[in-house]
Amino acid sequence: MRFIVLKTEVSAENTLNVFGLTEISHKASSVTPKWIDLRQAKTDCLTPENCDLLSFDDEDEVAEALEEMGLSDDSNISFIGVDV
């Protein structure tokens, strides 16, 4: 099982949009997440070069990444396990 991180947002049109974490950038003292619209993401997690989503080995690794990015308490951020 691999774990991916999702973020939800409500648009101005009251549409729920779902984004997947695709990259974590480390610059100087900041850590910045990069998101991709889940509808546009390549999601073949069996072949990493065919997957736009950043995936993690276990829940602890996800928790560490969220903490590092300052997102561990955001209510619109979650992670799910994907059976591969």
PDB file of N, CA and C in Angstrom:
ATOM      1  N   MET A   1       0.845  -1.175   0.000  1.00  0.00           N
ATOM      2  CA  MET A   1       0.000   0.000   0.000  1.00  0.00           C
ATOM      3  C   MET A   1       0.892   1.240   0.000  1.00  0.00           C
ATOM      4  N   ARG A   2       0.494   2.217  -0.789  1.00  0.00           N
ATOM      5  CA  ARG A   2       1.162   3.519  -0.837  1.00  0.00           C
ATOM      6  C   ARG A   2       0.164   4.564  -0.342  1.00  0.00           C
ATOM      7  N   PHE A   3       0.680   5.668   0.159  1.00  0.00           N
ATOM      8  CA  PHE A   3      -0.174   6.726   0.686  1.00  0.00           C
ATOM      9  C   PHE A   3       0.028   8.005  -0.108  1.00  0.00           C
ATOM     10  N   ILE A   4      -1.089   8.651  -0.455  1.00  0.00           N
ATOM     11  CA  ILE A   4      -1.033   9.928  -1.164  1.00  0.00           C
ATOM     12  C   ILE A   4      -1.745  10.987  -0.322  1.00  0.00           C
ATOM     13  N   VAL A   5      -1.355  12.245  -0.549  1.00  0.00           N
ATOM     14  CA  VAL A   5      -1.917  13.365   0.198  1.00  0.00           C
ATOM     15  C   VAL A   5      -2.865  14.141  -0.710  1.00  0.00           C
ATOM     16  N   LEU A   6      -4.047  14.453  -0.172  1.00  0.00           N
ATOM     17  CA  LEU A   6      -5.057  15.186  -0.922  1.00  0.00           C
ATOM     18  C   LEU A   6      -5.411  16.485  -0.219  1.00  0.00           C
ATOM     19  N   LYS A   7      -5.768  17.481  -1.019  1.00  0.00           N
ATOM     20  CA  LYS A   7      -6.223  18.772  -0.500  1.00  0.00           C
ATOM     21  C   LYS A   7      -7.533  19.112  -1.193  1.00  0.00           C
ATOM     22  N   THR A   8      -8.505  19.581  -0.427  1.00  0.00           N
ATOM     23  CA  THR A   8      -9.777  19.989  -1.014  1.00  0.00           C
ATOM     24  C   THR A   8      -9.937  21.495  -0.901  1.00  0.00           C
ATOM     25  N   GLU A   9     -10.604  22.068  -1.891  1.00  0.00           N
ATOM     26  CA  GLU A   9     -10.926  23.493  -1.905  1.00  0.00           C
ATOM     27  C   GLU A   9     -12.303  23.654  -2.525  1.00  0.00           C
ATOM     28  N   VAL A  10     -13.030  24.650  -2.067  1.00  0.00           N
ATOM     29  CA  VAL A  10     -14.320  24.981  -2.663  1.00  0.00           C
ATOM     30  C   VAL A  10     -14.106  26.227  -3.522  1.00  0.00           C
ATOM     31  N   SER A  11     -14.501  26.125  -4.784  1.00  0.00           N
ATOM     32  CA  SER A  11     -14.313  27.239  -5.719  1.00  0.00           C
ATOM     33  C   SER A  11     -15.377  28.306  -5.493  1.00  0.00           C
ATOM     34  N   ALA A  12     -15.227  29.406  -6.189  1.00  0.00           N
ATOM     35  CA  ALA A  12     -16.200  30.499  -6.124  1.00  0.00           C
ATOM     36  C   ALA A  12     -17.576  30.038  -6.612  1.00  0.00           C
ATOM     37  N   GLU A  13     -17.603  29.000  -7.442  1.00  0.00           N
ATOM     38  CA  GLU A  13     -18.863  28.451  -7.959  1.00  0.00           C
ATOM     39  C   GLU A  13     -19.422  27.358  -7.052  1.00  0.00           C
ATOM     40  N   ASN A  14     -18.855  27.221  -5.848  1.00  0.00           N
ATOM     41  CA  ASN A  14     -19.257  26.196  -4.875  1.00  0.00           C
ATOM     42  C   ASN A  14     -19.035  24.774  -5.376  1.00  0.00           C
ATOM     43  N   THR A  15     -17.995  24.588  -6.163  1.00  0.00           N
ATOM     44  CA  THR A  15     -17.603  23.273  -6.641  1.00  0.00           C
ATOM     45  C   THR A  15     -16.451  22.773  -5.787  1.00  0.00           C
ATOM     46  N   LEU A  16     -16.518  21.520  -5.381  1.00  0.00           N
ATOM     47  CA  LEU A  16     -15.434  20.925  -4.602  1.00  0.00           C
ATOM     48  C   LEU A  16     -14.333  20.481  -5.549  1.00  0.00           C
ATOM     49  N   ASN A  17     -13.130  20.991  -5.350  1.00  0.00           N
ATOM     50  CA  ASN A  17     -11.969  20.611  -6.144  1.00  0.00           C
ATOM     51  C   ASN A  17     -11.019  19.806  -5.271  1.00  0.00           C
ATOM     52  N   VAL A  18     -10.447  18.753  -5.844  1.00  0.00           N
ATOM     53  CA  VAL A  18      -9.519  17.892  -5.116  1.00  0.00           C
ATOM     54  C   VAL A  18      -8.163  17.937  -5.816  1.00  0.00           C
ATOM     55  N   PHE A  19      -7.115  18.168  -5.029  1.00  0.00           N
ATOM     56  CA  PHE A  19      -5.752  18.252  -5.544  1.00  0.00           C
ATOM     57  C   PHE A  19      -4.898  17.187  -4.865  1.00  0.00           C
ATOM     58  N   GLY A  20      -3.912  16.694  -5.590  1.00  0.00           N
ATOM     59  CA  GLY A  20      -2.973  15.733  -5.044  1.00  0.00           C
ATOM     60  C   GLY A  20      -1.592  16.357  -4.913  1.00  0.00           C
ATOM     61  N   LEU A  21      -0.894  15.981  -3.852  1.00  0.00           N
ATOM     62  CA  LEU A  21       0.468  16.470  -3.644  1.00  0.00           C
ATOM     63  C   LEU A  21       1.375  15.845  -4.695  1.00  0.00           C
ATOM     64  N   THR A  22       2.088  16.701  -5.424  1.00  0.00           N
ATOM     65  CA  THR A  22       2.940  16.207  -6.499  1.00  0.00           C
ATOM     66  C   THR A  22       4.430  16.424  -6.224  1.00  0.00           C
ATOM     67  N   GLU A  23       4.743  17.379  -5.352  1.00  0.00           N
ATOM     68  CA  GLU A  23       6.151  17.692  -5.093  1.00  0.00           C
ATOM     69  C   GLU A  23       6.268  18.484  -3.796  1.00  0.00           C
ATOM     70  N   ILE A  24       7.403  18.320  -3.133  1.00  0.00           N
ATOM     71  CA  ILE A  24       7.729  19.139  -1.969  1.00  0.00           C
ATOM     72  C   ILE A  24       9.038  19.834  -2.283  1.00  0.00           C
ATOM     73  N   SER A  25       9.017  21.168  -2.324  1.00  0.00           N
ATOM     74  CA  SER A  25      10.217  21.954  -2.631  1.00  0.00           C
ATOM     75  C   SER A  25      10.841  22.470  -1.347  1.00  0.00           C
ATOM     76  N   HIS A  26      12.153  22.311  -1.244  1.00  0.00           N
ATOM     77  CA  HIS A  26      12.911  22.834  -0.109  1.00  0.00           C
ATOM     78  C   HIS A  26      13.759  23.993  -0.605  1.00  0.00           C
ATOM     79  N   LYS A  27      13.459  25.196  -0.108  1.00  0.00           N
ATOM     80  CA  LYS A  27      14.213  26.387  -0.491  1.00  0.00           C
ATOM     81  C   LYS A  27      14.597  27.141   0.773  1.00  0.00           C
ATOM     82  N   ALA A  28      15.870  27.282   0.990  1.00  0.00           N
ATOM     83  CA  ALA A  28      16.389  27.976   2.181  1.00  0.00           C
ATOM     84  C   ALA A  28      15.720  27.422   3.423  1.00  0.00           C
ATOM     85  N   SER A  29      14.932  28.240   4.095  1.00  0.00           N
ATOM     86  CA  SER A  29      14.304  27.782   5.327  1.00  0.00           C
ATOM     87  C   SER A  29      12.827  27.442   5.151  1.00  0.00           C
ATOM     88  N   SER A  30      12.346  27.420   3.905  1.00  0.00           N
ATOM     89  CA  SER A  30      10.929  27.127   3.688  1.00  0.00           C
ATOM     90  C   SER A  30      10.729  25.809   2.946  1.00  0.00           C
ATOM     91  N   VAL A  31       9.601  25.208   3.218  1.00  0.00           N
ATOM     92  CA  VAL A  31       9.203  23.976   2.545  1.00  0.00           C
ATOM     93  C   VAL A  31       7.853  24.252   1.905  1.00  0.00           C
ATOM     94  N   THR A  32       7.771  24.067   0.586  1.00  0.00           N
ATOM     95  CA  THR A  32       6.565  24.435  -0.149  1.00  0.00           C
ATOM     96  C   THR A  32       5.991  23.226  -0.883  1.00  0.00           C
ATOM     97  N   PRO A  33       4.700  22.937  -0.655  1.00  0.00           N
ATOM     98  CA  PRO A  33       4.070  21.845  -1.406  1.00  0.00           C
ATOM     99  C   PRO A  33       3.620  22.322  -2.782  1.00  0.00           C
ATOM    100  N   LYS A  34       3.649  21.424  -3.755  1.00  0.00           N
ATOM    101  CA  LYS A  34       3.125  21.706  -5.085  1.00  0.00           C
ATOM    102  C   LYS A  34       1.967  20.738  -5.310  1.00  0.00           C
ATOM    103  N   TRP A  35       0.842  21.272  -5.791  1.00  0.00           N
ATOM    104  CA  TRP A  35      -0.377  20.488  -5.952  1.00  0.00           C
ATOM    105  C   TRP A  35      -0.759  20.381  -7.414  1.00  0.00           C
ATOM    106  N   ILE A  36      -1.450  19.290  -7.762  1.00  0.00           N
ATOM    107  CA  ILE A  36      -1.978  19.096  -9.112  1.00  0.00           C
ATOM    108  C   ILE A  36      -3.456  18.722  -8.984  1.00  0.00           C
ATOM    109  N   ASP A  37      -4.258  19.251  -9.896  1.00  0.00           N
ATOM    110  CA  ASP A  37      -5.678  18.897  -9.929  1.00  0.00           C
ATOM    111  C   ASP A  37      -5.766  17.387 -10.152  1.00  0.00           C
ATOM    112  N   LEU A  38      -6.464  16.704  -9.275  1.00  0.00           N
ATOM    113  CA  LEU A  38      -6.521  15.245  -9.340  1.00  0.00           C
ATOM    114  C   LEU A  38      -7.130  14.754 -10.653  1.00  0.00           C
ATOM    115  N   ARG A  39      -8.006  15.555 -11.246  1.00  0.00           N
ATOM    116  CA  ARG A  39      -8.614  15.158 -12.528  1.00  0.00           C
ATOM    117  C   ARG A  39      -7.599  15.138 -13.663  1.00  0.00           C
ATOM    118  N   GLN A  40      -6.505  15.887 -13.527  1.00  0.00           N
ATOM    119  CA  GLN A  40      -5.510  15.977 -14.589  1.00  0.00           C
ATOM    120  C   GLN A  40      -4.266  15.133 -14.315  1.00  0.00           C
ATOM    121  N   ALA A  41      -4.192  14.535 -13.155  1.00  0.00           N
ATOM    122  CA  ALA A  41      -2.985  13.808 -12.751  1.00  0.00           C
ATOM    123  C   ALA A  41      -2.912  12.426 -13.387  1.00  0.00           C
ATOM    124  N   LYS A  42      -1.696  12.054 -13.780  1.00  0.00           N
ATOM    125  CA  LYS A  42      -1.439  10.669 -14.172  1.00  0.00           C
ATOM    126  C   LYS A  42      -1.303   9.894 -12.863  1.00  0.00           C
ATOM    127  N   THR A  43      -2.012   8.791 -12.723  1.00  0.00           N
ATOM    128  CA  THR A  43      -2.079   8.124 -11.418  1.00  0.00           C
ATOM    129  C   THR A  43      -1.647   6.663 -11.442  1.00  0.00           C
ATOM    130  N   ASP A  44      -0.762   6.302 -12.351  1.00  0.00           N
ATOM    131  CA  ASP A  44      -0.238   4.933 -12.387  1.00  0.00           C
ATOM    132  C   ASP A  44       0.852   4.809 -11.325  1.00  0.00           C
ATOM    133  N   CYS A  45       0.457   4.503 -10.099  1.00  0.00           N
ATOM    134  CA  CYS A  45       1.411   4.461  -8.983  1.00  0.00           C
ATOM    135  C   CYS A  45       2.335   3.245  -9.026  1.00  0.00           C
ATOM    136  N   LEU A  46       2.045   2.277  -9.888  1.00  0.00           N
ATOM    137  CA  LEU A  46       2.933   1.124 -10.021  1.00  0.00           C
ATOM    138  C   LEU A  46       4.210   1.495 -10.767  1.00  0.00           C
ATOM    139  N   THR A  47       4.109   2.482 -11.646  1.00  0.00           N
ATOM    140  CA  THR A  47       5.245   2.938 -12.427  1.00  0.00           C
ATOM    141  C   THR A  47       5.467   4.413 -12.101  1.00  0.00           C
ATOM    142  N   PRO A  48       6.435   4.733 -11.225  1.00  0.00           N
ATOM    143  CA  PRO A  48       6.605   6.113 -10.748  1.00  0.00           C
ATOM    144  C   PRO A  48       6.677   7.174 -11.837  1.00  0.00           C
ATOM    145  N   GLU A  49       7.310   6.877 -12.969  1.00  0.00           N
ATOM    146  CA  GLU A  49       7.403   7.894 -14.022  1.00  0.00           C
ATOM    147  C   GLU A  49       6.045   8.153 -14.688  1.00  0.00           C
ATOM    148  N   ASN A  50       5.060   7.295 -14.452  1.00  0.00           N
ATOM    149  CA  ASN A  50       3.710   7.496 -14.980  1.00  0.00           C
ATOM    150  C   ASN A  50       2.750   8.033 -13.922  1.00  0.00           C
ATOM    151  N   CYS A  51       3.297   8.529 -12.816  1.00  0.00           N
ATOM    152  CA  CYS A  51       2.456   9.023 -11.734  1.00  0.00           C
ATOM    153  C   CYS A  51       2.884  10.431 -11.340  1.00  0.00           C
ATOM    154  N   ASP A  52       1.941  11.352 -11.379  1.00  0.00           N
ATOM    155  CA  ASP A  52       2.220  12.736 -10.988  1.00  0.00           C
ATOM    156  C   ASP A  52       2.149  12.934  -9.478  1.00  0.00           C
ATOM    157  N   LEU A  53       1.595  11.967  -8.764  1.00  0.00           N
ATOM    158  CA  LEU A  53       1.377  12.124  -7.332  1.00  0.00           C
ATOM    159  C   LEU A  53       2.570  11.636  -6.529  1.00  0.00           C
ATOM    160  N   LEU A  54       2.914  12.396  -5.519  1.00  0.00           N
ATOM    161  CA  LEU A  54       3.957  11.987  -4.588  1.00  0.00           C
ATOM    162  C   LEU A  54       3.336  10.950  -3.665  1.00  0.00           C
ATOM    163  N   SER A  55       3.996   9.808  -3.489  1.00  0.00           N
ATOM    164  CA  SER A  55       3.441   8.782  -2.617  1.00  0.00           C
ATOM    165  C   SER A  55       4.456   8.417  -1.537  1.00  0.00           C
ATOM    166  N   PHE A  56       3.932   7.872  -0.468  1.00  0.00           N
ATOM    167  CA  PHE A  56       4.737   7.578   0.711  1.00  0.00           C
ATOM    168  C   PHE A  56       4.581   6.108   1.090  1.00  0.00           C
ATOM    169  N   ASP A  57       5.610   5.565   1.753  1.00  0.00           N
ATOM    170  CA  ASP A  57       5.616   4.160   2.140  1.00  0.00           C
ATOM    171  C   ASP A  57       4.662   3.834   3.275  1.00  0.00           C
ATOM    172  N   ASP A  58       4.532   4.749   4.237  1.00  0.00           N
ATOM    173  CA  ASP A  58       3.684   4.467   5.394  1.00  0.00           C
ATOM    174  C   ASP A  58       3.112   5.751   5.984  1.00  0.00           C
ATOM    175  N   GLU A  59       2.195   5.582   6.924  1.00  0.00           N
ATOM    176  CA  GLU A  59       1.496   6.721   7.522  1.00  0.00           C
ATOM    177  C   GLU A  59       2.447   7.645   8.280  1.00  0.00           C
ATOM    178  N   ASP A  60       3.464   7.086   8.915  1.00  0.00           N
ATOM    179  CA  ASP A  60       4.422   7.913   9.655  1.00  0.00           C
ATOM    180  C   ASP A  60       5.178   8.853   8.727  1.00  0.00           C
ATOM    181  N   GLU A  61       5.535   8.357   7.548  1.00  0.00           N
ATOM    182  CA  GLU A  61       6.240   9.181   6.564  1.00  0.00           C
ATOM    183  C   GLU A  61       5.349  10.339   6.090  1.00  0.00           C
ATOM    184  N   VAL A  62       4.060  10.068   5.902  1.00  0.00           N
ATOM    185  CA  VAL A  62       3.117  11.116   5.511  1.00  0.00           C
ATOM    186  C   VAL A  62       3.017  12.161   6.623  1.00  0.00           C
ATOM    187  N   ALA A  63       2.861  11.698   7.855  1.00  0.00           N
ATOM    188  CA  ALA A  63       2.727  12.608   8.999  1.00  0.00           C
ATOM    189  C   ALA A  63       3.949  13.515   9.120  1.00  0.00           C
ATOM    190  N   GLU A  64       5.142  12.963   8.920  1.00  0.00           N
ATOM    191  CA  GLU A  64       6.373  13.757   8.970  1.00  0.00           C
ATOM    192  C   GLU A  64       6.386  14.815   7.878  1.00  0.00           C
ATOM    193  N   ALA A  65       5.977  14.438   6.661  1.00  0.00           N
ATOM    194  CA  ALA A  65       5.960  15.392   5.544  1.00  0.00           C
ATOM    195  C   ALA A  65       4.958  16.509   5.804  1.00  0.00           C
ATOM    196  N   LEU A  66       3.774  16.169   6.311  1.00  0.00           N
ATOM    197  CA  LEU A  66       2.770  17.190   6.606  1.00  0.00           C
ATOM    198  C   LEU A  66       3.247  18.131   7.698  1.00  0.00           C
ATOM    199  N   GLU A  67       3.911  17.583   8.699  1.00  0.00           N
ATOM    200  CA  GLU A  67       4.451  18.408   9.778  1.00  0.00           C
ATOM    201  C   GLU A  67       5.519  19.353   9.237  1.00  0.00           C
ATOM    202  N   GLU A  68       6.391  18.828   8.389  1.00  0.00           N
ATOM    203  CA  GLU A  68       7.472  19.631   7.806  1.00  0.00           C
ATOM    204  C   GLU A  68       6.923  20.802   6.989  1.00  0.00           C
ATOM    205  N   MET A  69       5.797  20.574   6.298  1.00  0.00           N
ATOM    206  CA  MET A  69       5.202  21.616   5.467  1.00  0.00           C
ATOM    207  C   MET A  69       4.262  22.529   6.265  1.00  0.00           C
ATOM    208  N   GLY A  70       4.042  22.215   7.540  1.00  0.00           N
ATOM    209  CA  GLY A  70       3.132  23.009   8.360  1.00  0.00           C
ATOM    210  C   GLY A  70       1.672  22.761   8.034  1.00  0.00           C
ATOM    211  N   LEU A  71       1.358  21.582   7.511  1.00  0.00           N
ATOM    212  CA  LEU A  71      -0.007  21.271   7.091  1.00  0.00           C
ATOM    213  C   LEU A  71      -0.701  20.243   7.981  1.00  0.00           C
ATOM    214  N   SER A  72      -0.053  19.827   9.061  1.00  0.00           N
ATOM    215  CA  SER A  72      -0.602  18.728   9.863  1.00  0.00           C
ATOM    216  C   SER A  72      -1.922  19.066  10.531  1.00  0.00           C
ATOM    217  N   ASP A  73      -2.225  20.347  10.718  1.00  0.00           N
ATOM    218  CA  ASP A  73      -3.474  20.736  11.371  1.00  0.00           C
ATOM    219  C   ASP A  73      -4.514  21.295  10.410  1.00  0.00           C
ATOM    220  N   ASP A  74      -4.218  21.313   9.106  1.00  0.00           N
ATOM    221  CA  ASP A  74      -5.180  21.837   8.136  1.00  0.00           C
ATOM    222  C   ASP A  74      -6.339  20.859   7.959  1.00  0.00           C
ATOM    223  N   SER A  75      -7.557  21.366   8.090  1.00  0.00           N
ATOM    224  CA  SER A  75      -8.728  20.494   7.981  1.00  0.00           C
ATOM    225  C   SER A  75      -9.045  20.088   6.542  1.00  0.00           C
ATOM    226  N   ASN A  76      -8.468  20.773   5.564  1.00  0.00           N
ATOM    227  CA  ASN A  76      -8.737  20.419   4.164  1.00  0.00           C
ATOM    228  C   ASN A  76      -7.645  19.522   3.568  1.00  0.00           C
ATOM    229  N   ILE A  77      -6.746  19.019   4.416  1.00  0.00           N
ATOM    230  CA  ILE A  77      -5.671  18.118   3.988  1.00  0.00           C
ATOM    231  C   ILE A  77      -5.928  16.743   4.587  1.00  0.00           C
ATOM    232  N   SER A  78      -5.812  15.709   3.763  1.00  0.00           N
ATOM    233  CA  SER A  78      -5.957  14.348   4.262  1.00  0.00           C
ATOM    234  C   SER A  78      -5.048  13.431   3.447  1.00  0.00           C
ATOM    235  N   PHE A  79      -4.908  12.210   3.914  1.00  0.00           N
ATOM    236  CA  PHE A  79      -4.167  11.247   3.118  1.00  0.00           C
ATOM    237  C   PHE A  79      -4.945   9.942   3.091  1.00  0.00           C
ATOM    238  N   ILE A  80      -4.753   9.209   2.001  1.00  0.00           N
ATOM    239  CA  ILE A  80      -5.442   7.932   1.845  1.00  0.00           C
ATOM    240  C   ILE A  80      -4.435   6.875   1.418  1.00  0.00           C
ATOM    241  N   GLY A  81      -4.745   5.644   1.732  1.00  0.00           N
ATOM    242  CA  GLY A  81      -3.938   4.515   1.293  1.00  0.00           C
ATOM    243  C   GLY A  81      -4.435   4.015  -0.041  1.00  0.00           C
ATOM    244  N   VAL A  82      -3.511   3.757  -0.942  1.00  0.00           N
ATOM    245  CA  VAL A  82      -3.842   3.260  -2.271  1.00  0.00           C
ATOM    246  C   VAL A  82      -3.221   1.884  -2.417  1.00  0.00           C
ATOM    247  N   ASP A  83      -4.056   0.904  -2.661  1.00  0.00           N
ATOM    248  CA  ASP A  83      -3.580  -0.467  -2.804  1.00  0.00           C
ATOM    249  C   ASP A  83      -2.971  -0.628  -4.185  1.00  0.00           C
ATOM    250  N   VAL A  84      -1.668  -0.906  -4.249  1.00  0.00           N
ATOM    251  CA  VAL A  84      -0.989  -1.052  -5.545  1.00  0.00           C
ATOM    252  C   VAL A  84      -0.450  -2.443  -5.717  1.00  0.00           C
TER     253      VAL A  84
END
